[in-house]
Amino acid sequence: MLKENRKMAEDWIAPRVREIAPSGIRAFFDLTAGNNDIISLGVGEPDFATPEHVRAACVRALNRGETMYTPNAGLLELREEIAQYLGSSFGLQYHPADEIMVTVGSSEALDLALRAFTAPGDEIIIPSPSYIAYSPIAHLNGGALVEVEATAEQGFKLTAEALRKAITPRSKLLVVNFPNNPTGAVMSYEDWLPIAEVVKEHNLLVLSDEIYAELTYDSTHVSIASLPGMQERTIVISGFSKAFAMTGWRVGYVCGNHELLAAMLKIHQYTAMCAPVLGQIAAIESLRSGLPDKDRMKACFRQRRTLFVEGLRTIGLHCHQPQGAFYAFPSIAHTGLKSEEFALRLLREAGVAAVPGHVFGSGGEGHIRCSYSTSTERLTEALERMEGFMKVRI
């Protein structure tokens, strides 16, 4: 009977869904579930609770009975706060009424954009290594993924030369994510200038995932949308999960040309309808009164970065200095092990969970991703276990 049920399910499931693999990050996270002896460096989630005053604002809203739908595009009050914040923080100017939409996390915004702007056969250019969700979502929408390797020698940055080589007559979208997950690489204004020229020359649409914008440590975040002639051809995606410690509230946002956003809104209306109202209220409070909390958490991440990256280098794992986000991406190439074998052995033999680099694209092989979004005590213990693993097992 079980075999028959499996066959029936296979017949019903769409081929494109059958073809995509489960999340490589979640696969390693699931292996650690329920085991308190394992130190997980796998999932990119701040270990801070959402600040108390933000939670209190939501309690007050609950007591007032604010539990209804919001406008599809989100509370105008929140969109106004986002517009003001983006202008003062990153020099981006958007009209709250029709150039900003609130979504169910930045993940929904990404899905909406790829569905709204991808037709079967369109080529989507993605630097590799990059966040694992881009490839399967592009596949679900019939897009053809084209990887452009961003090498460690180049600081894991995208270059105009590599981008130009990847462009064909079918190229339509360029998806970028800086600060980058998994490498922590960032792009400066000077880095973006030649990229912007190639984008305009070939009439590409840019999807810029800037969820880690606030977590830029040694410089100021620069959005490609801020360059001359780029805002009208760039969709900017961000949210509150990472820098504001609000992963479970599921509040993201997307900004761009009002005609492009109108296309995304049509899909949003028929699927999510609106982001959770309490999450939107929490986001308003975070922007109005939570910026000092954001800065405090960022300072902690920066201290952890120094501790962890220096520790990795000490135990013999060369690591590019991450300039943003909260990930280290050390090379394990010298061990002779593939990234998945290394990560599995590290988990089983040392009790440390890291993500194999290959899940982030072909450019990630030879590395593992370690999140330093946990306490210094846990990071120190993880380094000690990794050192023992490297000495005894490799």
Protein backbone atom coordinates (compact mmCIF):
# COMPACT_ATOMS: atom_id res chain seq x y z
CA MET A 1 0.00 0.00 0.00
CA LEU A 2 2.84 2.36 0.90
CA LYS A 3 4.44 1.74 -2.50
CA GLU A 4 1.15 2.48 -4.25
CA ASN A 5 0.68 5.71 -2.30
CA ARG A 6 4.20 6.79 -3.21
CA LYS A 7 3.51 6.12 -6.89
CA MET A 8 0.26 8.10 -6.73
CA ALA A 9 2.03 11.02 -5.07
CA GLU A 10 4.74 11.01 -7.74
CA ASP A 11 2.06 11.19 -10.42
CA TRP A 12 0.41 14.16 -8.77
CA ILE A 13 3.48 16.23 -7.88
CA ALA A 14 4.55 18.68 -10.58
CA PRO A 15 7.80 17.69 -12.32
CA ARG A 16 9.54 20.96 -11.44
CA VAL A 17 8.83 20.38 -7.74
CA ARG A 18 10.13 16.80 -7.91
CA GLU A 19 13.31 18.06 -9.52
CA ILE A 20 14.34 20.52 -6.80
CA ALA A 21 16.29 19.29 -3.79
CA PRO A 22 15.34 20.03 -0.17
CA SER A 23 17.24 22.84 1.53
CA GLY A 24 20.83 21.86 2.23
CA ILE A 25 20.87 24.20 5.23
CA ARG A 26 17.77 22.68 6.76
CA ALA A 27 19.09 19.18 6.17
CA PHE A 28 22.01 19.84 8.52
CA PHE A 29 19.82 21.75 10.96
CA ASP A 30 17.49 18.75 11.19
CA LEU A 31 20.43 16.51 12.07
CA THR A 32 21.04 18.60 15.21
CA ALA A 33 17.41 18.72 16.38
CA GLY A 34 16.99 17.55 19.96
CA ASN A 35 20.73 17.05 20.57
CA ASN A 36 21.97 19.64 23.04
CA ASP A 37 25.54 18.34 22.78
CA ILE A 38 25.85 19.59 19.21
CA ILE A 39 26.95 23.16 18.60
CA SER A 40 25.03 24.40 15.59
CA LEU A 41 26.73 26.95 13.36
CA GLY A 42 24.27 26.15 10.61
CA VAL A 43 21.18 28.33 10.65
CA GLY A 44 21.50 32.07 10.05
CA GLU A 45 19.41 33.38 12.92
CA PRO A 46 20.38 35.92 15.59
CA ASP A 47 20.50 34.48 19.10
CA PHE A 48 18.97 37.68 20.47
CA ALA A 49 15.30 37.92 21.39
CA THR A 50 13.32 40.71 19.78
CA PRO A 51 13.79 43.74 22.08
CA GLU A 52 11.30 44.02 24.93
CA HIS A 53 9.85 47.37 23.88
CA VAL A 54 9.00 45.91 20.46
CA ARG A 55 7.23 42.96 22.05
CA ALA A 56 5.43 45.32 24.42
CA ALA A 57 4.14 47.38 21.50
CA CYS A 58 2.56 44.24 20.07
CA VAL A 59 1.00 43.29 23.40
CA ARG A 60 -0.63 46.71 23.53
CA ALA A 61 -1.88 46.26 19.97
CA LEU A 62 -3.34 42.87 20.87
CA ASN A 63 -5.13 44.38 23.84
CA ARG A 64 -6.57 47.00 21.51
CA GLY A 65 -7.86 44.21 19.29
CA GLU A 66 -5.64 45.00 16.29
CA THR A 67 -5.94 41.58 14.70
CA MET A 68 -7.42 42.32 11.28
CA TYR A 69 -6.10 42.28 7.72
CA THR A 70 -3.98 45.20 6.61
CA PRO A 71 -3.92 46.68 3.08
CA ASN A 72 -2.30 44.25 0.64
CA ALA A 73 0.79 46.43 0.34
CA GLY A 74 1.08 46.71 4.12
CA LEU A 75 0.26 49.42 6.64
CA LEU A 76 0.93 52.81 5.09
CA GLU A 77 2.39 53.87 8.42
CA LEU A 78 5.03 51.15 8.10
CA ARG A 79 5.75 51.94 4.47
CA GLU A 80 6.32 55.58 5.42
CA GLU A 81 8.76 54.52 8.14
CA ILE A 82 10.61 52.24 5.70
CA ALA A 83 10.87 55.07 3.15
CA GLN A 84 12.30 57.43 5.74
CA TYR A 85 14.71 54.79 7.02
CA LEU A 86 16.04 53.84 3.57
CA GLY A 87 16.53 57.49 2.69
CA SER A 88 18.46 58.37 5.83
CA SER A 89 20.45 55.13 6.02
CA PHE A 90 21.28 54.28 2.39
CA GLY A 91 20.29 57.27 0.26
CA LEU A 92 17.42 55.41 -1.43
CA GLN A 93 14.27 57.40 -2.18
CA TYR A 94 10.94 55.59 -2.62
CA HIS A 95 7.31 56.72 -2.50
CA PRO A 96 5.53 54.87 0.34
CA ALA A 97 2.20 54.72 -1.52
CA ASP A 98 3.25 52.77 -4.61
CA GLU A 99 6.99 51.97 -4.51
CA ILE A 100 7.15 49.96 -1.27
CA MET A 101 5.32 46.72 -0.44
CA VAL A 102 5.44 44.78 2.83
CA THR A 103 5.78 41.02 2.41
CA VAL A 104 5.80 37.84 4.49
CA GLY A 105 9.52 37.99 5.11
CA SER A 106 12.05 38.81 2.44
CA SER A 107 11.60 35.23 1.20
CA GLU A 108 8.13 35.99 -0.12
CA ALA A 109 9.46 39.12 -1.82
CA LEU A 110 12.07 37.03 -3.58
CA ASP A 111 9.49 34.50 -4.73
CA LEU A 112 7.13 37.23 -5.94
CA ALA A 113 9.87 38.94 -7.93
CA LEU A 114 11.06 35.79 -9.67
CA ARG A 115 7.47 34.79 -10.47
CA ALA A 116 6.54 38.25 -11.72
CA PHE A 117 9.56 38.75 -13.97
CA THR A 118 10.60 35.29 -15.14
CA ALA A 119 9.16 33.52 -18.16
CA PRO A 120 10.15 30.00 -19.25
CA GLY A 121 13.56 30.10 -20.89
CA ASP A 122 14.65 33.41 -19.38
CA GLU A 123 18.18 33.28 -18.04
CA ILE A 124 18.78 34.39 -14.47
CA ILE A 125 22.37 35.27 -13.64
CA ILE A 126 23.47 34.56 -10.08
CA PRO A 127 26.93 34.98 -8.54
CA SER A 128 28.18 31.77 -6.96
CA PRO A 129 28.39 31.06 -4.08
CA SER A 130 25.04 32.55 -3.11
CA TYR A 131 21.96 31.97 -0.98
CA ILE A 132 20.46 28.57 -1.73
CA ALA A 133 16.87 29.70 -2.42
CA TYR A 134 17.55 31.55 -5.67
CA SER A 135 18.18 28.48 -7.78
CA PRO A 136 15.09 26.40 -6.83
CA ILE A 137 12.73 29.37 -7.05
CA ALA A 138 14.10 30.26 -10.46
CA HIS A 139 13.64 26.64 -11.54
CA LEU A 140 10.04 26.56 -10.31
CA ASN A 141 9.28 29.52 -12.54
CA GLY A 142 10.90 28.00 -15.62
CA GLY A 143 13.97 30.19 -15.55
CA ALA A 144 17.38 28.93 -16.56
CA LEU A 145 20.02 29.56 -13.92
CA VAL A 146 23.42 30.86 -15.01
CA GLU A 147 26.10 30.87 -12.32
CA VAL A 148 28.94 33.39 -12.31
CA GLU A 149 31.72 32.35 -9.98
CA ALA A 150 32.80 34.97 -7.47
CA THR A 151 36.14 33.63 -6.36
CA ALA A 152 37.93 33.87 -3.02
CA GLU A 153 40.86 35.53 -4.82
CA GLN A 154 38.48 38.36 -5.78
CA GLY A 155 37.08 38.61 -2.26
CA PHE A 156 33.95 36.75 -3.42
CA LYS A 157 32.85 39.90 -5.27
CA LEU A 158 31.05 39.98 -8.60
CA THR A 159 33.15 41.46 -11.41
CA ALA A 160 32.00 43.13 -14.60
CA GLU A 161 34.24 40.85 -16.65
CA ALA A 162 32.68 37.69 -15.25
CA LEU A 163 29.17 39.12 -15.64
CA ARG A 164 29.75 40.12 -19.24
CA LYS A 165 30.94 36.62 -20.14
CA ALA A 166 27.73 35.11 -18.76
CA ILE A 167 25.31 37.30 -20.71
CA THR A 168 23.46 35.87 -23.70
CA PRO A 169 20.46 37.10 -25.72
CA ARG A 170 18.22 35.24 -23.23
CA SER A 171 19.63 36.98 -20.14
CA LYS A 172 16.94 38.88 -18.25
CA LEU A 173 17.67 39.11 -14.51
CA LEU A 174 20.75 39.57 -12.40
CA VAL A 175 20.24 38.45 -8.79
CA VAL A 176 22.75 39.88 -6.31
CA ASN A 177 23.06 39.46 -2.54
CA PHE A 178 25.53 41.75 -0.79
CA PRO A 179 26.44 41.56 2.03
CA ASN A 180 26.61 37.99 0.85
CA ASN A 181 25.29 34.80 2.32
CA PRO A 182 27.43 32.62 2.69
CA THR A 183 30.70 34.55 2.24
CA GLY A 184 30.13 37.86 4.03
CA ALA A 185 31.48 39.73 0.99
CA VAL A 186 30.35 43.30 0.33
CA MET A 187 30.44 45.54 -2.76
CA SER A 188 31.62 49.15 -2.66
CA TYR A 189 30.38 51.98 -4.86
CA GLU A 190 33.49 51.52 -7.02
CA ASP A 191 32.80 47.78 -7.28
CA TRP A 192 29.23 48.44 -8.45
CA LEU A 193 30.06 51.08 -11.08
CA PRO A 194 31.27 48.72 -13.84
CA ILE A 195 28.53 46.21 -12.96
CA ALA A 196 25.91 48.93 -13.42
CA GLU A 197 27.29 49.82 -16.84
CA VAL A 198 27.06 46.20 -18.03
CA VAL A 199 23.52 45.93 -16.64
CA LYS A 200 22.39 49.05 -18.50
CA GLU A 201 24.18 48.05 -21.69
CA HIS A 202 22.32 44.73 -21.80
CA ASN A 203 19.01 46.00 -20.39
CA LEU A 204 18.97 43.63 -17.42
CA LEU A 205 16.64 43.83 -14.45
CA VAL A 206 18.44 43.57 -11.11
CA LEU A 207 17.03 41.80 -8.07
CA SER A 208 19.08 43.00 -5.10
CA ASP A 209 18.67 40.99 -1.88
CA GLU A 210 19.87 43.36 0.85
CA ILE A 211 18.62 41.54 3.95
CA TYR A 212 22.06 41.94 5.59
CA ALA A 213 22.53 45.62 4.62
CA GLU A 214 22.59 46.81 8.23
CA LEU A 215 25.22 44.21 9.13
CA THR A 216 28.05 45.85 7.16
CA TYR A 217 30.99 46.19 9.53
CA ASP A 218 33.93 48.07 8.04
CA SER A 219 32.19 50.40 5.61
CA THR A 220 28.74 51.74 4.77
CA HIS A 221 26.37 49.52 2.80
CA VAL A 222 26.00 50.56 -0.83
CA SER A 223 22.93 49.44 -2.78
CA ILE A 224 23.32 49.03 -6.52
CA ALA A 225 20.00 50.90 -6.75
CA SER A 226 21.75 54.06 -5.53
CA LEU A 227 23.94 54.30 -8.62
CA PRO A 228 22.92 56.65 -11.47
CA GLY A 229 20.25 55.14 -13.69
CA MET A 230 19.87 52.00 -11.58
CA GLN A 231 16.89 52.59 -9.28
CA GLU A 232 14.31 52.21 -12.05
CA ARG A 233 15.80 48.86 -13.11
CA THR A 234 16.45 47.45 -9.61
CA ILE A 235 14.13 45.61 -7.24
CA VAL A 236 15.45 46.00 -3.68
CA ILE A 237 14.46 43.34 -1.16
CA SER A 238 15.09 43.53 2.57
CA GLY A 239 13.39 42.93 5.90
CA PHE A 240 13.62 42.86 9.66
CA SER A 241 14.69 39.28 10.37
CA LYS A 242 18.46 39.57 10.65
CA ALA A 243 19.50 43.01 11.89
CA PHE A 244 16.42 43.54 14.06
CA ALA A 245 16.25 39.97 15.49
CA MET A 246 12.75 39.40 14.14
CA THR A 247 13.03 36.13 12.21
CA GLY A 248 9.77 34.67 13.52
CA TRP A 249 7.70 37.79 12.90
CA ARG A 250 7.95 37.28 9.12
CA VAL A 251 8.14 40.88 7.91
CA GLY A 252 10.04 41.82 4.78
CA TYR A 253 9.66 44.49 2.15
CA VAL A 254 10.36 45.17 -1.49
CA CYS A 255 11.01 48.51 -3.18
CA GLY A 256 11.08 49.50 -6.82
CA ASN A 257 9.44 51.08 -9.83
CA HIS A 258 5.68 51.27 -9.16
CA GLU A 259 4.80 49.37 -12.33
CA LEU A 260 7.09 46.51 -11.36
CA LEU A 261 5.70 46.46 -7.84
CA ALA A 262 2.15 46.45 -9.19
CA ALA A 263 2.95 43.19 -10.98
CA MET A 264 4.27 41.66 -7.76
CA LEU A 265 1.29 42.96 -5.81
CA LYS A 266 -1.11 41.08 -8.09
CA ILE A 267 0.50 37.79 -7.07
CA HIS A 268 0.73 38.84 -3.42
CA GLN A 269 -3.01 39.62 -3.34
CA TYR A 270 -3.92 36.09 -4.39
CA THR A 271 -1.43 34.27 -2.18
CA ALA A 272 -0.33 35.83 1.12
CA MET A 273 -2.81 38.74 0.90
CA CYS A 274 -0.85 40.70 3.52
CA ALA A 275 1.97 40.31 6.02
CA PRO A 276 0.96 39.56 9.64
CA VAL A 277 -0.42 42.68 11.27
CA LEU A 278 1.45 42.17 14.55
CA GLY A 279 4.68 41.74 12.66
CA GLN A 280 4.05 45.03 10.89
CA ILE A 281 3.38 46.74 14.21
CA ALA A 282 6.62 45.30 15.56
CA ALA A 283 8.47 46.61 12.50
CA ILE A 284 7.07 50.12 13.04
CA GLU A 285 8.28 50.09 16.63
CA SER A 286 11.70 48.77 15.56
CA LEU A 287 12.20 51.62 13.10
CA ARG A 288 10.94 54.29 15.48
CA SER A 289 12.67 53.21 18.68
CA GLY A 290 14.80 50.16 17.95
CA LEU A 291 17.76 51.52 16.00
CA PRO A 292 19.99 51.59 19.13
CA ASP A 293 19.10 47.91 19.69
CA LYS A 294 20.11 47.16 16.10
CA ASP A 295 23.45 48.90 16.60
CA ARG A 296 24.08 47.06 19.87
CA MET A 297 23.47 43.67 18.24
CA LYS A 298 25.66 44.63 15.29
CA ALA A 299 28.52 45.46 17.66
CA CYS A 300 28.19 42.00 19.24
CA PHE A 301 28.27 40.33 15.82
CA ARG A 302 31.39 42.28 14.92
CA GLN A 303 33.16 41.13 18.10
CA ARG A 304 32.14 37.53 17.40
CA ARG A 305 33.42 37.84 13.83
CA THR A 306 36.87 38.82 15.08
CA LEU A 307 36.95 36.00 17.62
CA PHE A 308 35.74 33.32 15.24
CA VAL A 309 37.67 34.21 12.09
CA GLU A 310 40.93 34.58 14.00
CA GLY A 311 40.19 31.25 15.68
CA LEU A 312 39.59 29.52 12.35
CA ARG A 313 42.90 30.79 11.01
CA THR A 314 44.71 29.67 14.16
CA ILE A 315 43.50 26.08 13.79
CA GLY A 316 44.53 25.94 10.15
CA LEU A 317 41.40 26.90 8.25
CA HIS A 318 42.10 29.83 5.93
CA CYS A 319 39.15 32.22 5.98
CA HIS A 320 38.35 35.30 3.92
CA GLN A 321 37.54 38.23 6.23
CA PRO A 322 33.75 38.65 6.05
CA GLN A 323 32.80 42.31 5.74
CA GLY A 324 29.11 41.80 6.42
CA ALA A 325 26.32 39.41 7.45
CA PHE A 326 27.24 36.88 10.19
CA TYR A 327 28.89 34.04 8.32
CA ALA A 328 32.45 32.79 7.97
CA PHE A 329 33.25 30.74 4.87
CA PRO A 330 36.54 28.98 5.57
CA SER A 331 38.33 26.92 2.95
CA ILE A 332 38.66 23.19 3.63
CA ALA A 333 40.21 22.45 0.23
CA HIS A 334 43.60 21.52 1.71
CA THR A 335 42.02 18.62 3.61
CA GLY A 336 41.27 16.79 0.38
CA LEU A 337 37.66 16.27 1.47
CA LYS A 338 34.58 17.42 -0.39
CA SER A 339 32.56 19.94 1.60
CA GLU A 340 29.70 17.53 2.35
CA GLU A 341 32.02 14.81 3.64
CA PHE A 342 33.92 17.33 5.77
CA ALA A 343 30.69 18.75 7.24
CA LEU A 344 29.25 15.31 8.00
CA ARG A 345 32.44 14.16 9.70
CA LEU A 346 32.70 17.41 11.67
CA LEU A 347 29.15 16.87 12.88
CA ARG A 348 29.50 13.19 13.77
CA GLU A 349 33.02 13.26 15.18
CA ALA A 350 33.23 16.70 16.79
CA GLY A 351 29.61 17.64 17.41
CA VAL A 352 29.79 20.86 15.37
CA ALA A 353 27.22 21.52 12.66
CA ALA A 354 28.30 23.63 9.69
CA VAL A 355 26.84 23.80 6.19
CA PRO A 356 28.76 22.27 3.26
CA GLY A 357 29.71 24.91 0.75
CA HIS A 358 28.46 23.04 -2.31
CA VAL A 359 24.82 23.77 -1.40
CA PHE A 360 25.50 27.44 -2.23
CA GLY A 361 26.40 26.64 -5.83
CA SER A 362 29.41 25.32 -7.67
CA GLY A 363 31.52 28.22 -6.41
CA GLY A 364 31.00 27.07 -2.82
CA GLU A 365 32.72 23.70 -3.07
CA GLY A 366 35.87 23.51 -1.00
CA HIS A 367 34.35 25.59 1.82
CA ILE A 368 31.96 25.29 4.75
CA ARG A 369 29.64 27.98 6.07
CA CYS A 370 29.73 28.73 9.78
CA SER A 371 27.32 31.20 11.35
CA TYR A 372 28.76 33.25 14.20
CA SER A 373 25.31 34.45 15.28
CA THR A 374 25.63 32.59 18.57
CA SER A 375 27.31 33.34 21.89
CA THR A 376 31.06 33.77 22.29
CA GLU A 377 31.05 30.82 24.69
CA ARG A 378 29.53 28.55 22.07
CA LEU A 379 31.87 29.86 19.38
CA THR A 380 34.89 29.28 21.58
CA GLU A 381 33.76 25.72 22.32
CA ALA A 382 33.11 25.12 18.62
CA LEU A 383 36.63 26.26 17.76
CA GLU A 384 38.13 23.95 20.37
CA ARG A 385 36.20 21.00 18.98
CA MET A 386 37.14 21.90 15.41
CA GLU A 387 40.80 22.16 16.39
CA GLY A 388 40.69 18.68 17.88
CA PHE A 389 38.95 17.37 14.78
CA MET A 390 41.56 18.90 12.49
CA LYS A 391 44.46 17.49 14.51
CA VAL A 392 43.14 13.98 14.97
CA ARG A 393 40.95 13.29 11.97
CA ILE A 394 42.41 15.20 9.04
